């Protein structure tokens, strides 16, 4: 966005600096000038607050913003069949983990010693796929660096500093499996663009595994008194279920497991890419409230 110098004397006053900072943050997020116009204004500051959560380090990381989930956590949080699918990957295959935090799940996958109890094992095999961890903030630990040194950066790769949408297809390549455990799918302010980007990175036949909490469940068994964090509505304002929306996407087969007995109604999702001409139904953002995860409301566009 081109900057136009104000002709008003003293335009950089203390009162205007917060607004200027918000503009800078939005440009870094890739939300251009149009995001400063209605109806974006009500949630511009919320996105700036969300950015602080992403960038938090050490004692400043909110207690509910978890950055170190193990592979056993993935096994319990993702849809049935994930561990088997990961275990079937060969040495030439590739796995992308979005919102990987410190990359613990990938470290577990590559662990040299397997001390896990049988019930906690997931994808244990001698043949390991190339694994890419992606995080907005660099949260690598000494353990990650040690393992990467052993196996090589071509097999354990860590990407940070920007969002998924800011990477080109050439930078990332193609993947057989993509995972997102309370990552971009739960946090993005542009859900259609995020899903389209993910599916563009999948090989035909590849699968995207993710989940989203506090939503209207596909099986309809969620408590109607739930405080929904992610809401989808049609042009008339009627509720649309996340899985119903995903199933409208061209060239995919979407499956869901509804968890009404969890602390919050959660949908476990897998999306298999079955052909190349993917087309995701577009949505616009109506509401965004910073959090971990944030509160979001989207409306399907005609």
Protein backbone atom coordinates (compact mmCIF):
# COMPACT_ATOMS: atom_id res chain seq x y z
CA UNK A 1 0.00 0.00 0.00
CA UNK A 2 1.42 3.40 -1.00
CA UNK A 3 1.93 5.79 1.92
CA UNK A 4 0.55 9.30 1.49
CA UNK A 5 2.10 11.96 3.72
CA UNK A 6 -0.46 13.93 5.70
CA UNK A 7 -0.64 17.68 5.21
CA UNK A 8 -1.92 18.13 8.75
CA UNK A 9 0.79 19.37 11.10
CA UNK A 10 1.64 16.96 13.88
CA UNK A 11 -0.06 13.91 12.31
CA UNK A 12 2.29 11.54 14.16
CA UNK A 13 0.92 12.37 17.60
CA UNK A 14 0.69 9.92 20.46
CA UNK A 15 -3.02 9.53 19.73
CA UNK A 16 -2.43 8.34 16.17
CA UNK A 17 0.53 6.04 16.80
CA UNK A 18 -1.59 3.01 17.87
CA UNK A 19 -3.55 3.25 14.63
CA UNK A 20 -0.33 3.46 12.63
CA UNK A 21 1.01 0.37 14.41
CA UNK A 22 -2.19 -1.52 13.62
CA UNK A 23 -1.81 -0.64 9.94
CA UNK A 24 1.76 -1.96 9.99
CA UNK A 25 0.64 -5.20 11.64
CA UNK A 26 -2.14 -5.67 9.10
CA UNK A 27 0.28 -5.14 6.22
CA UNK A 28 2.55 -7.78 7.75
CA UNK A 29 -0.44 -10.12 7.94
CA UNK A 30 -1.07 -9.61 4.25
CA UNK A 31 -4.42 -7.83 4.82
CA UNK A 32 -4.02 -4.86 2.41
CA UNK A 33 -5.57 -1.45 2.37
CA UNK A 34 -9.10 -2.74 1.84
CA UNK A 35 -9.00 -4.18 5.37
CA UNK A 36 -9.05 -0.65 6.77
CA UNK A 37 -12.53 -0.03 5.38
CA UNK A 38 -15.92 -1.24 6.62
CA UNK A 39 -16.81 -3.87 7.69
CA UNK A 40 -13.23 -4.60 8.80
CA UNK A 41 -12.89 -1.80 11.34
CA UNK A 42 -14.69 -3.53 14.24
CA UNK A 43 -12.04 -6.26 14.43
CA UNK A 44 -8.80 -4.59 13.25
CA UNK A 45 -7.60 -4.18 16.83
CA UNK A 46 -8.56 -7.77 17.62
CA UNK A 47 -6.27 -9.05 14.88
CA UNK A 48 -3.46 -6.90 16.30
CA UNK A 49 -4.09 -8.50 19.73
CA UNK A 50 -3.99 -11.93 18.10
CA UNK A 51 -0.61 -11.12 16.61
CA UNK A 52 0.77 -10.52 20.12
CA UNK A 53 -0.39 -14.01 21.12
CA UNK A 54 1.41 -15.52 18.14
CA UNK A 55 4.63 -13.69 18.96
CA UNK A 56 4.58 -14.37 22.72
CA UNK A 57 7.62 -16.07 24.23
CA UNK A 58 8.57 -17.55 27.60
CA UNK A 59 6.44 -16.40 30.51
CA UNK A 60 4.38 -14.21 28.17
CA UNK A 61 2.85 -17.23 26.38
CA UNK A 62 -0.79 -17.58 27.58
CA UNK A 63 -1.37 -20.80 29.51
CA UNK A 64 -3.99 -21.99 27.03
CA UNK A 65 -1.80 -21.38 23.99
CA UNK A 66 -0.07 -24.75 23.73
CA UNK A 67 3.07 -24.98 21.60
CA UNK A 68 4.47 -28.39 22.54
CA UNK A 69 1.97 -31.13 21.66
CA UNK A 70 3.39 -34.64 21.34
CA UNK A 71 2.61 -37.12 18.58
CA UNK A 72 0.53 -39.07 21.10
CA UNK A 73 -1.61 -35.92 21.46
CA UNK A 74 -2.11 -35.88 17.71
CA UNK A 75 -3.21 -39.52 17.88
CA UNK A 76 -5.90 -38.61 20.42
CA UNK A 77 -7.04 -35.40 18.74
CA UNK A 78 -7.13 -36.27 15.04
CA UNK A 79 -9.64 -38.44 13.22
CA UNK A 80 -9.39 -42.24 13.34
CA UNK A 81 -6.85 -43.60 10.90
CA UNK A 82 -4.32 -40.76 11.15
CA UNK A 83 -1.62 -42.85 12.85
CA UNK A 84 -2.00 -45.66 10.34
CA UNK A 85 -1.76 -43.22 7.44
CA UNK A 86 1.37 -41.59 8.89
CA UNK A 87 2.90 -45.01 9.47
CA UNK A 88 2.41 -45.93 5.82
CA UNK A 89 4.53 -43.04 4.54
CA UNK A 90 7.79 -44.05 2.89
CA UNK A 91 11.19 -42.39 2.86
CA UNK A 92 10.37 -40.41 -0.29
CA UNK A 93 7.04 -39.11 1.06
CA UNK A 94 6.51 -35.76 2.82
CA UNK A 95 4.53 -34.60 5.87
CA UNK A 96 3.75 -30.93 6.64
CA UNK A 97 2.69 -29.98 10.18
CA UNK A 98 1.07 -26.51 10.29
CA UNK A 99 1.11 -24.72 13.64
CA UNK A 100 3.77 -27.15 14.82
CA UNK A 101 5.02 -25.02 17.74
CA UNK A 102 8.29 -26.50 18.94
CA UNK A 103 7.90 -29.45 16.56
CA UNK A 104 7.55 -32.06 19.31
CA UNK A 105 5.20 -34.25 17.25
CA UNK A 106 7.79 -34.52 14.48
CA UNK A 107 10.55 -35.17 17.02
CA UNK A 108 8.47 -38.04 18.42
CA UNK A 109 7.99 -39.39 14.91
CA UNK A 110 11.76 -39.35 14.38
CA UNK A 111 12.70 -40.51 17.91
CA UNK A 112 15.77 -42.75 17.91
CA UNK A 113 14.52 -44.67 20.95
CA UNK A 114 10.94 -45.77 21.36
CA UNK A 115 10.04 -45.80 25.05
CA UNK A 116 6.37 -45.09 24.53
CA UNK A 117 3.78 -47.47 25.89
CA UNK A 118 1.98 -49.50 23.18
CA UNK A 119 -1.22 -47.48 23.63
CA UNK A 120 0.69 -44.24 23.04
CA UNK A 121 2.48 -45.32 19.89
CA UNK A 122 1.63 -43.64 16.62
CA UNK A 123 3.19 -44.18 13.20
CA UNK A 124 6.13 -46.25 14.46
CA UNK A 125 8.02 -47.53 11.45
CA UNK A 126 11.61 -47.83 10.25
CA UNK A 127 10.98 -45.81 7.09
CA UNK A 128 10.55 -42.12 7.89
CA UNK A 129 9.06 -39.47 5.62
CA UNK A 130 10.53 -36.01 5.12
CA UNK A 131 8.89 -33.80 7.76
CA UNK A 132 8.35 -30.04 7.69
CA UNK A 133 7.30 -28.13 10.82
CA UNK A 134 5.69 -24.72 10.28
CA UNK A 135 5.19 -22.09 12.97
CA UNK A 136 4.65 -18.32 12.85
CA UNK A 137 7.24 -17.88 15.61
CA UNK A 138 10.50 -19.81 15.79
CA UNK A 139 10.01 -22.14 18.76
CA UNK A 140 12.77 -24.64 18.03
CA UNK A 141 14.44 -26.20 21.05
CA UNK A 142 17.93 -27.61 21.50
CA UNK A 143 16.37 -31.03 21.06
CA UNK A 144 15.08 -30.06 17.62
CA UNK A 145 18.47 -28.74 16.57
CA UNK A 146 20.19 -31.91 17.76
CA UNK A 147 17.79 -34.18 15.89
CA UNK A 148 17.99 -32.05 12.74
CA UNK A 149 21.78 -32.30 12.88
CA UNK A 150 21.56 -36.08 13.11
CA UNK A 151 19.06 -36.64 10.30
CA UNK A 152 19.83 -33.61 8.14
CA UNK A 153 17.89 -30.49 7.22
CA UNK A 154 16.51 -32.18 4.12
CA UNK A 155 14.54 -34.59 6.33
CA UNK A 156 13.67 -32.37 9.32
CA UNK A 157 12.88 -28.86 8.18
CA UNK A 158 11.55 -26.01 10.32
CA UNK A 159 9.87 -22.97 8.78
CA UNK A 160 8.95 -19.81 10.73
CA UNK A 161 8.52 -16.08 10.35
CA UNK A 162 5.48 -15.98 8.07
CA UNK A 163 2.07 -17.53 7.51
CA UNK A 164 1.17 -20.39 5.23
CA UNK A 165 -0.35 -18.04 2.66
CA UNK A 166 2.97 -16.22 2.28
CA UNK A 167 4.87 -19.30 1.10
CA UNK A 168 4.92 -20.17 -2.59
CA UNK A 169 4.26 -23.64 -3.88
CA UNK A 170 7.84 -23.78 -5.09
CA UNK A 171 9.15 -23.09 -1.57
CA UNK A 172 7.09 -25.84 0.03
CA UNK A 173 6.57 -28.51 -2.61
CA UNK A 174 3.92 -31.22 -2.38
CA UNK A 175 2.91 -33.44 0.54
CA UNK A 176 1.16 -36.76 1.11
CA UNK A 177 -0.05 -35.73 4.59
CA UNK A 178 -0.71 -32.30 6.09
CA UNK A 179 -1.71 -31.90 9.74
CA UNK A 180 -3.08 -28.95 11.66
CA UNK A 181 -3.77 -29.44 15.39
CA UNK A 182 -5.25 -26.17 16.67
CA UNK A 183 -3.16 -24.35 14.08
CA UNK A 184 -4.17 -22.22 11.10
CA UNK A 185 -7.53 -23.91 10.57
CA UNK A 186 -8.61 -22.81 14.06
CA UNK A 187 -6.97 -19.37 13.91
CA UNK A 188 -7.04 -17.96 10.38
CA UNK A 189 -9.17 -14.94 9.54
CA UNK A 190 -9.57 -16.23 5.94
CA UNK A 191 -10.75 -19.83 6.20
CA UNK A 192 -11.48 -20.29 2.48
CA UNK A 193 -8.03 -19.10 1.46
CA UNK A 194 -6.37 -21.28 4.10
CA UNK A 195 -8.13 -24.47 2.99
CA UNK A 196 -7.46 -23.70 -0.66
CA UNK A 197 -3.75 -23.19 0.07
CA UNK A 198 -3.52 -26.46 2.02
CA UNK A 199 -5.25 -28.44 -0.70
CA UNK A 200 -2.98 -26.90 -3.30
CA UNK A 201 0.01 -28.35 -1.42
CA UNK A 202 -1.43 -31.88 -1.29
CA UNK A 203 -0.62 -34.48 -3.86
CA UNK A 204 -3.71 -36.04 -5.45
CA UNK A 205 -4.56 -38.84 -3.02
CA UNK A 206 -3.02 -36.91 -0.10
CA UNK A 207 -4.96 -36.14 3.09
CA UNK A 208 -5.33 -33.07 5.29
CA UNK A 209 -6.01 -33.91 8.97
CA UNK A 210 -7.35 -31.19 11.26
CA UNK A 211 -9.99 -30.35 13.87
CA UNK A 212 -11.98 -27.36 15.08
CA UNK A 213 -13.58 -26.85 18.49
CA UNK A 214 -16.74 -25.11 19.67
CA UNK A 215 -18.64 -25.53 16.40
CA UNK A 216 -22.03 -26.76 15.23
CA UNK A 217 -21.47 -30.49 14.84
CA UNK A 218 -22.29 -32.44 11.72
CA UNK A 219 -24.28 -35.01 13.74
CA UNK A 220 -26.29 -32.25 15.43
CA UNK A 221 -25.58 -33.49 18.96
CA UNK A 222 -23.81 -30.37 20.27
CA UNK A 223 -25.29 -28.56 23.26
CA UNK A 224 -27.35 -25.59 21.99
CA UNK A 225 -26.04 -23.54 24.91
CA UNK A 226 -22.48 -23.80 23.58
CA UNK A 227 -20.49 -20.61 23.12
CA UNK A 228 -19.42 -21.23 19.56
CA UNK A 229 -15.95 -19.99 18.62
CA UNK A 230 -16.15 -20.71 14.89
CA UNK A 231 -19.48 -20.01 13.20
CA UNK A 232 -20.47 -20.23 9.55
CA UNK A 233 -23.68 -18.75 8.15
CA UNK A 234 -25.21 -18.54 4.70
CA UNK A 235 -26.29 -15.33 2.94
CA UNK A 236 -29.56 -15.34 4.91
CA UNK A 237 -27.77 -15.73 8.25
CA UNK A 238 -28.69 -19.39 8.81
CA UNK A 239 -26.12 -21.63 10.47
CA UNK A 240 -23.92 -23.75 8.20
CA UNK A 241 -21.89 -26.65 9.60
CA UNK A 242 -18.17 -26.71 8.91
CA UNK A 243 -18.26 -30.20 7.42
CA UNK A 244 -21.24 -29.38 5.21
CA UNK A 245 -19.26 -26.42 3.86
CA UNK A 246 -16.13 -28.49 3.27
CA UNK A 247 -18.12 -31.14 1.39
CA UNK A 248 -19.07 -28.48 -1.17
CA UNK A 249 -15.40 -28.20 -2.18
CA UNK A 250 -14.65 -29.57 -5.64
CA UNK A 251 -12.12 -32.41 -6.01
CA UNK A 252 -12.10 -33.55 -2.37
CA UNK A 253 -13.72 -36.16 -0.16
CA UNK A 254 -14.28 -34.77 3.33
CA UNK A 255 -14.97 -36.90 6.41
CA UNK A 256 -15.87 -35.89 9.95
CA UNK A 257 -16.10 -37.36 13.45
CA UNK A 258 -18.32 -35.31 15.76
CA UNK A 259 -17.24 -35.22 19.42
CA UNK A 260 -20.19 -33.98 21.45
CA UNK A 261 -18.83 -35.55 24.67
CA UNK A 262 -15.62 -33.49 24.71
CA UNK A 263 -15.30 -30.34 26.85
CA UNK A 264 -16.43 -28.34 23.82
CA UNK A 265 -18.19 -29.77 20.74
CA UNK A 266 -15.35 -30.59 18.34
CA UNK A 267 -15.27 -31.77 14.76
CA UNK A 268 -12.40 -34.05 13.70
CA UNK A 269 -11.82 -33.68 9.99
CA UNK A 270 -9.97 -35.40 7.17
CA UNK A 271 -10.00 -34.09 3.60
CA UNK A 272 -8.68 -36.30 0.82
CA UNK A 273 -7.75 -34.64 -2.44
CA UNK A 274 -9.14 -36.72 -5.31
CA UNK A 275 -8.35 -34.51 -8.33
CA UNK A 276 -6.45 -31.34 -9.16
CA UNK A 277 -9.19 -28.77 -9.89
CA UNK A 278 -9.90 -27.84 -6.28
CA UNK A 279 -12.41 -25.05 -5.72
CA UNK A 280 -13.31 -23.95 -2.18
CA UNK A 281 -16.63 -22.09 -1.54
CA UNK A 282 -15.73 -18.52 -0.61
CA UNK A 283 -16.54 -16.86 2.71
CA UNK A 284 -16.09 -13.40 4.16
CA UNK A 285 -15.19 -12.61 7.75
CA UNK A 286 -17.93 -11.00 9.84
CA UNK A 287 -16.37 -11.19 13.31
CA UNK A 288 -12.98 -11.81 14.85
CA UNK A 289 -12.24 -11.80 18.58
CA UNK A 290 -8.66 -12.50 19.72
CA UNK A 291 -8.11 -15.63 21.78
CA UNK A 292 -6.60 -19.11 21.77
CA UNK A 293 -8.35 -20.00 19.64
CA UNK A 294 -10.10 -16.80 18.53
CA UNK A 295 -13.82 -16.30 18.07
CA UNK A 296 -14.74 -16.11 14.36
CA UNK A 297 -17.87 -15.73 12.31
CA UNK A 298 -17.88 -16.23 8.54
CA UNK A 299 -20.56 -15.80 5.89
CA UNK A 300 -20.71 -17.76 2.64
CA UNK A 301 -20.60 -15.55 -0.40
CA UNK A 302 -23.19 -16.06 -3.18
